[in-house]
Protein backbone atom coordinates (compact mmCIF):
# COMPACT_ATOMS: atom_id res chain seq x y z
CA MET A 1 14.94 -61.86 -56.80
CA LEU A 2 17.59 -64.16 -55.33
CA THR A 3 16.42 -67.13 -53.30
CA PRO A 4 18.55 -69.59 -51.29
CA ASP A 5 18.16 -72.23 -54.04
CA SER A 6 19.24 -69.86 -56.82
CA LEU A 7 22.38 -68.56 -55.12
CA PRO A 8 25.70 -69.67 -56.61
CA THR A 9 27.84 -71.56 -54.08
CA ASN A 10 30.64 -68.99 -54.08
CA HIS A 11 28.12 -66.16 -53.75
CA ALA A 12 26.50 -67.81 -50.72
CA ARG A 13 29.84 -68.03 -48.97
CA ARG A 14 30.42 -64.28 -49.25
CA GLY A 15 27.35 -63.25 -47.29
CA SER A 16 27.62 -63.24 -43.50
CA LEU A 17 25.77 -62.05 -40.42
CA ALA A 18 26.90 -60.79 -37.03
CA CYS A 19 24.36 -59.77 -34.39
CA VAL A 20 25.94 -57.60 -31.69
CA GLY A 21 24.85 -55.81 -28.54
CA LEU A 22 25.47 -52.16 -27.73
CA GLY A 23 25.16 -52.78 -24.02
CA MET A 24 22.79 -50.66 -21.97
CA THR A 25 24.66 -47.39 -21.42
CA LEU A 26 25.39 -45.51 -24.63
CA GLY A 27 29.04 -45.72 -25.67
CA SER A 28 30.54 -47.09 -22.48
CA HIS A 29 29.30 -50.69 -22.87
CA LEU A 30 30.25 -51.29 -26.51
CA THR A 31 33.01 -53.89 -26.73
CA PRO A 32 35.92 -53.53 -29.18
CA LEU A 33 34.82 -56.70 -30.99
CA ALA A 34 31.23 -55.48 -31.39
CA ARG A 35 32.53 -52.15 -32.72
CA SER A 36 34.72 -54.02 -35.19
CA HIS A 37 31.71 -55.96 -36.53
CA ILE A 38 29.81 -52.68 -37.00
CA GLU A 39 32.64 -50.83 -38.71
CA GLN A 40 33.55 -53.69 -41.06
CA ALA A 41 29.99 -54.49 -42.18
CA ASP A 42 28.59 -53.59 -45.58
CA VAL A 43 25.14 -52.95 -44.09
CA VAL A 44 24.10 -52.26 -40.49
CA PHE A 45 20.54 -52.85 -39.28
CA ALA A 46 19.60 -51.08 -36.04
CA GLY A 47 16.96 -52.64 -33.80
CA LEU A 48 16.98 -49.59 -31.51
CA SER A 49 14.16 -47.42 -30.19
CA ASP A 50 16.16 -44.24 -29.54
CA SER A 51 16.97 -41.84 -32.39
CA ILE A 52 19.92 -40.46 -30.42
CA VAL A 53 21.47 -43.92 -30.26
CA GLU A 54 20.87 -44.39 -33.99
CA LEU A 55 22.63 -41.08 -34.72
CA TRP A 56 25.56 -42.18 -32.56
CA LEU A 57 25.66 -45.49 -34.42
CA GLY A 58 25.72 -43.55 -37.70
CA ARG A 59 29.08 -42.11 -36.71
CA MET A 60 30.54 -45.61 -36.98
CA HIS A 61 28.96 -46.57 -40.31
CA THR A 62 27.50 -44.76 -43.32
CA ASP A 63 24.75 -47.30 -44.05
CA VAL A 64 22.70 -47.73 -40.87
CA ARG A 65 19.11 -48.83 -41.53
CA SER A 66 16.59 -48.40 -38.73
CA LEU A 67 14.20 -51.27 -38.05
CA GLN A 68 11.86 -49.14 -35.94
CA PRO A 69 9.51 -48.05 -38.78
CA TYR A 70 8.21 -51.62 -38.99
CA TYR A 71 6.48 -51.27 -35.61
CA ALA A 72 2.87 -50.06 -35.74
CA GLU A 73 0.03 -49.66 -33.27
CA GLY A 74 -2.23 -52.70 -33.46
CA LYS A 75 0.32 -54.71 -35.46
CA SER A 76 1.65 -57.91 -33.93
CA ARG A 77 5.25 -57.52 -32.82
CA MET A 78 5.91 -61.03 -34.12
CA LYS A 79 5.00 -59.86 -37.62
CA THR A 80 7.43 -56.98 -37.20
CA TYR A 81 10.19 -59.29 -35.99
CA ARG A 82 9.69 -61.62 -38.97
CA GLN A 83 10.01 -58.62 -41.28
CA TRP A 84 13.29 -57.74 -39.59
CA VAL A 85 14.60 -61.23 -40.31
CA ASP A 86 13.51 -60.98 -43.95
CA LEU A 87 15.26 -57.62 -44.37
CA ILE A 88 18.47 -58.87 -42.78
CA MET A 89 18.53 -62.10 -44.76
CA ALA A 90 17.87 -60.34 -48.07
CA GLU A 91 21.19 -58.52 -47.68
CA VAL A 92 23.02 -61.64 -46.48
CA ARG A 93 21.74 -63.55 -49.53
CA ALA A 94 22.93 -60.69 -51.70
CA GLY A 95 26.46 -61.53 -50.57
CA LYS A 96 26.90 -58.68 -48.11
CA LYS A 97 28.54 -58.64 -44.72
CA VAL A 98 25.61 -57.70 -42.47
CA CYS A 99 25.61 -56.53 -38.86
CA GLY A 100 22.47 -56.37 -36.74
CA VAL A 101 22.76 -54.07 -33.73
CA PHE A 102 20.50 -54.42 -30.69
CA TYR A 103 20.30 -53.09 -27.14
CA GLY A 104 22.07 -54.87 -24.34
CA HIS A 105 22.78 -58.47 -25.22
CA PRO A 106 21.42 -59.33 -28.70
CA GLY A 107 20.20 -62.72 -27.52
CA ILE A 108 18.17 -61.61 -24.51
CA PHE A 109 14.50 -60.77 -25.11
CA ALA A 110 15.28 -60.50 -28.80
CA TRP A 111 13.63 -63.02 -31.13
CA SER A 112 14.91 -61.67 -34.44
CA PRO A 113 18.67 -62.05 -33.87
CA HIS A 114 18.28 -65.71 -32.86
CA LYS A 115 16.00 -66.42 -35.83
CA ALA A 116 18.16 -64.58 -38.36
CA ILE A 117 21.24 -66.49 -37.23
CA GLU A 118 19.31 -69.77 -37.35
CA VAL A 119 18.12 -69.08 -40.91
CA ALA A 120 21.53 -67.87 -42.07
CA ARG A 121 23.32 -70.96 -40.77
CA ALA A 122 20.68 -73.27 -42.23
CA GLU A 123 21.34 -71.70 -45.64
CA GLY A 124 25.08 -72.12 -45.33
CA PHE A 125 26.07 -68.58 -44.37
CA LYS A 126 28.50 -67.68 -41.62
CA ALA A 127 26.52 -66.22 -38.70
CA HIS A 128 27.67 -65.12 -35.27
CA MET A 129 26.22 -63.57 -32.12
CA GLU A 130 28.47 -61.30 -30.10
CA PRO A 131 27.33 -60.90 -26.46
CA GLY A 132 26.82 -57.55 -24.83
CA ILE A 133 26.20 -56.14 -21.36
CA SER A 134 22.53 -56.77 -20.65
CA ALA A 135 19.92 -55.18 -18.41
CA GLU A 136 20.35 -58.21 -16.16
CA ASP A 137 24.05 -57.45 -15.71
CA CYS A 138 23.29 -53.85 -14.81
CA LEU A 139 20.53 -54.94 -12.42
CA TYR A 140 22.90 -57.10 -10.38
CA ALA A 141 25.39 -54.24 -10.12
CA ASP A 142 22.92 -51.44 -9.36
CA LEU A 143 20.80 -53.38 -6.85
CA GLY A 144 23.72 -55.14 -5.19
CA ILE A 145 22.38 -58.61 -5.91
CA ASP A 146 24.59 -61.67 -6.06
CA PRO A 147 22.51 -64.39 -7.78
CA GLY A 148 24.77 -67.02 -6.24
CA ARG A 149 23.74 -66.15 -2.69
CA PHE A 150 20.07 -67.14 -2.67
CA GLY A 151 19.55 -68.06 -6.30
CA CYS A 152 17.64 -66.04 -8.87
CA GLN A 153 14.59 -66.86 -10.98
CA HIS A 154 13.80 -64.94 -14.15
CA PHE A 155 10.44 -64.93 -15.90
CA GLU A 156 8.88 -62.88 -18.64
CA ALA A 157 5.88 -61.56 -16.71
CA SER A 158 3.20 -62.69 -19.17
CA GLN A 159 4.70 -66.18 -19.36
CA LEU A 160 4.30 -66.43 -15.61
CA LEU A 161 0.55 -65.90 -16.11
CA PHE A 162 0.04 -67.97 -19.25
CA TYR A 163 1.70 -71.11 -17.91
CA GLU A 164 1.87 -73.00 -14.63
CA ARG A 165 5.32 -72.08 -13.34
CA ARG A 166 6.82 -72.89 -9.96
CA ILE A 167 8.01 -69.87 -7.96
CA ASP A 168 10.69 -70.26 -5.30
CA PRO A 169 10.14 -67.48 -2.71
CA THR A 170 13.49 -68.25 -1.06
CA SER A 171 15.28 -66.81 -4.12
CA TYR A 172 15.18 -63.49 -5.94
CA LEU A 173 12.37 -63.29 -8.48
CA VAL A 174 13.01 -61.07 -11.52
CA LEU A 175 10.04 -60.26 -13.75
CA TRP A 176 10.64 -58.76 -17.18
CA GLN A 177 8.25 -56.63 -19.25
CA VAL A 178 5.69 -56.16 -16.49
CA GLY A 179 4.41 -53.11 -18.37
CA LEU A 180 3.09 -55.53 -21.02
CA VAL A 181 1.93 -58.26 -18.66
CA GLY A 182 -1.07 -60.23 -19.87
CA ASP A 183 -0.94 -59.08 -23.50
CA LEU A 184 -2.08 -62.01 -25.65
CA SER A 185 -2.20 -60.02 -28.88
CA LEU A 186 1.50 -59.01 -29.08
CA ALA A 187 0.12 -55.82 -30.62
CA ARG A 188 0.01 -53.48 -27.63
CA PHE A 189 2.81 -51.44 -26.14
CA GLU A 190 1.38 -51.42 -22.62
CA THR A 191 -1.37 -52.96 -20.51
CA GLY A 192 -3.14 -51.41 -17.54
CA SER A 193 -3.53 -51.79 -13.81
CA ALA A 194 -6.16 -54.52 -14.13
CA TYR A 195 -3.60 -56.75 -15.84
CA ARG A 196 -1.02 -56.05 -13.15
CA GLN A 197 -3.66 -56.96 -10.56
CA VAL A 198 -3.85 -60.42 -12.14
CA LEU A 199 -0.07 -60.67 -11.75
CA VAL A 200 -0.31 -59.63 -8.10
CA ASP A 201 -3.02 -62.23 -7.49
CA VAL A 202 -0.68 -64.92 -8.82
CA LEU A 203 2.29 -63.64 -6.81
CA SER A 204 0.24 -63.37 -3.62
CA GLU A 205 0.10 -67.16 -3.51
CA ASP A 206 3.80 -67.10 -2.58
CA TYR A 207 4.38 -63.58 -1.20
CA PRO A 208 2.59 -61.45 1.41
CA LEU A 209 0.91 -58.36 -0.02
CA ASP A 210 3.15 -56.08 2.04
CA HIS A 211 6.29 -57.68 0.57
CA GLU A 212 8.77 -55.22 -0.90
CA VAL A 213 8.91 -54.95 -4.68
CA ILE A 214 11.74 -53.17 -6.49
CA ILE A 215 11.03 -51.46 -9.81
CA TYR A 216 14.27 -50.99 -11.71
CA ARG A 217 15.47 -49.33 -14.88
CA GLY A 218 19.15 -49.13 -15.76
CA ALA A 219 20.88 -46.00 -17.03
CA THR A 220 21.00 -45.66 -20.81
CA LEU A 221 23.09 -42.49 -21.00
CA PRO A 222 26.41 -41.87 -19.22
CA ILE A 223 24.91 -38.81 -17.49
CA ASP A 224 21.92 -40.81 -16.19
CA GLN A 225 21.46 -42.68 -12.93
CA PRO A 226 19.57 -45.96 -12.61
CA ARG A 227 15.94 -45.53 -11.59
CA ILE A 228 15.07 -47.58 -8.50
CA ARG A 229 11.67 -47.50 -6.78
CA HIS A 230 10.42 -49.51 -3.79
CA VAL A 231 6.71 -50.30 -3.40
CA ARG A 232 4.60 -52.91 -1.68
CA LEU A 233 3.32 -55.82 -3.74
CA SER A 234 -0.25 -54.65 -3.14
CA ASP A 235 0.62 -51.25 -4.68
CA LEU A 236 2.00 -52.71 -7.91
CA PRO A 237 -1.27 -52.54 -9.92
CA ASN A 238 -1.60 -48.78 -9.40
CA THR A 239 2.08 -48.01 -9.92
CA PRO A 240 2.92 -46.87 -13.48
CA ILE A 241 5.48 -49.21 -15.06
CA THR A 242 7.09 -48.81 -18.48
CA THR A 243 8.12 -51.69 -20.73
CA GLU A 244 11.78 -50.82 -20.01
CA GLU A 245 11.39 -51.35 -16.25
CA THR A 246 11.99 -54.64 -14.46
CA VAL A 247 10.32 -55.83 -11.26
CA VAL A 248 12.38 -57.63 -8.62
CA LEU A 249 11.00 -59.43 -5.57
CA PRO A 250 13.64 -60.15 -2.89
CA PRO A 251 13.39 -63.48 -1.05
CA ALA A 252 10.34 -63.77 1.18
CA MET A 253 11.42 -66.88 3.05
CA ALA A 254 14.65 -68.24 4.49
CA LEU A 255 16.41 -71.15 2.85
CA LYS A 256 15.40 -74.45 4.43
CA GLN A 257 18.06 -77.10 4.89
CA ASN A 258 17.57 -80.44 3.13
CA LEU A 259 18.52 -82.63 6.08
CA ALA A 260 18.18 -85.91 4.20
CA ILE A 261 20.59 -84.86 1.46
CA ARG A 262 23.00 -83.36 3.97
CA ALA A 263 23.08 -86.69 5.85
CA ARG A 264 23.70 -88.55 2.60
CA LEU A 265 26.56 -86.25 1.66
CA LYS A 266 28.05 -86.56 5.15
CA ALA A 267 28.04 -90.30 4.79
CA LEU A 268 29.81 -90.02 1.43
CA ASP A 269 32.44 -87.77 3.03
CA GLU A 270 33.01 -90.36 5.76
CA GLU A 271 33.34 -93.15 3.21
CA THR A 272 35.81 -91.13 1.20
CA ALA A 273 37.89 -90.35 4.29
CA MET A 274 38.10 -94.07 5.19
CA ALA A 275 39.06 -95.19 1.68
């Protein structure tokens, strides 16, 4: 078995890795550069959960290897992700041009692509991440949100519970993977209403319970429409939410002017005008 230390120098240079994103909507979001990486690879690894998407990917390459079989009920997802990295790197070390294909943007909510690229570069291989259209990009378009207007905070929902984070209710708050909120094991594929109630209890410190919550899922097929639901914050625990859905809280308070800083900036303007 080849190891990094046993690889000849010229052999190590031949192996390479590109991690690319398919975008969110099948076919229409794939960039020409991402397609080129897929078609020119020796081996393609697919970190995709939809067999239809894998079949479509198989039309671009004859050697597409699904990473989905490494998931298992009760098995830590981190163990699965480490196995993905090992599989990818085994082919890179064998001198092959490898392409890892993931949903959306390969660097967003995707541990394995970042780790595989880190390992590959540390061992002297060429490694590259090609960005893709993410769920965040689709969210802004479908919900009509401009993050530059009020600002936008993004949190993985469980991280918001596990750590002391500061919420700004004057901005949009985007919570990812609410369907898994509170899972400490990394081995479950969903948690229940009691866990979402804990999330609501945390959010209620900054938002009224009747505040509007948007539950969003982008379209994954060209014939689909985005799924958008509106509920009250108090109804969130008893509202079914999948791991693919994202929760958005619009601003609950108006922006408050920082009068001291405004006065300081005005004074600078006056000094500049007199100079």
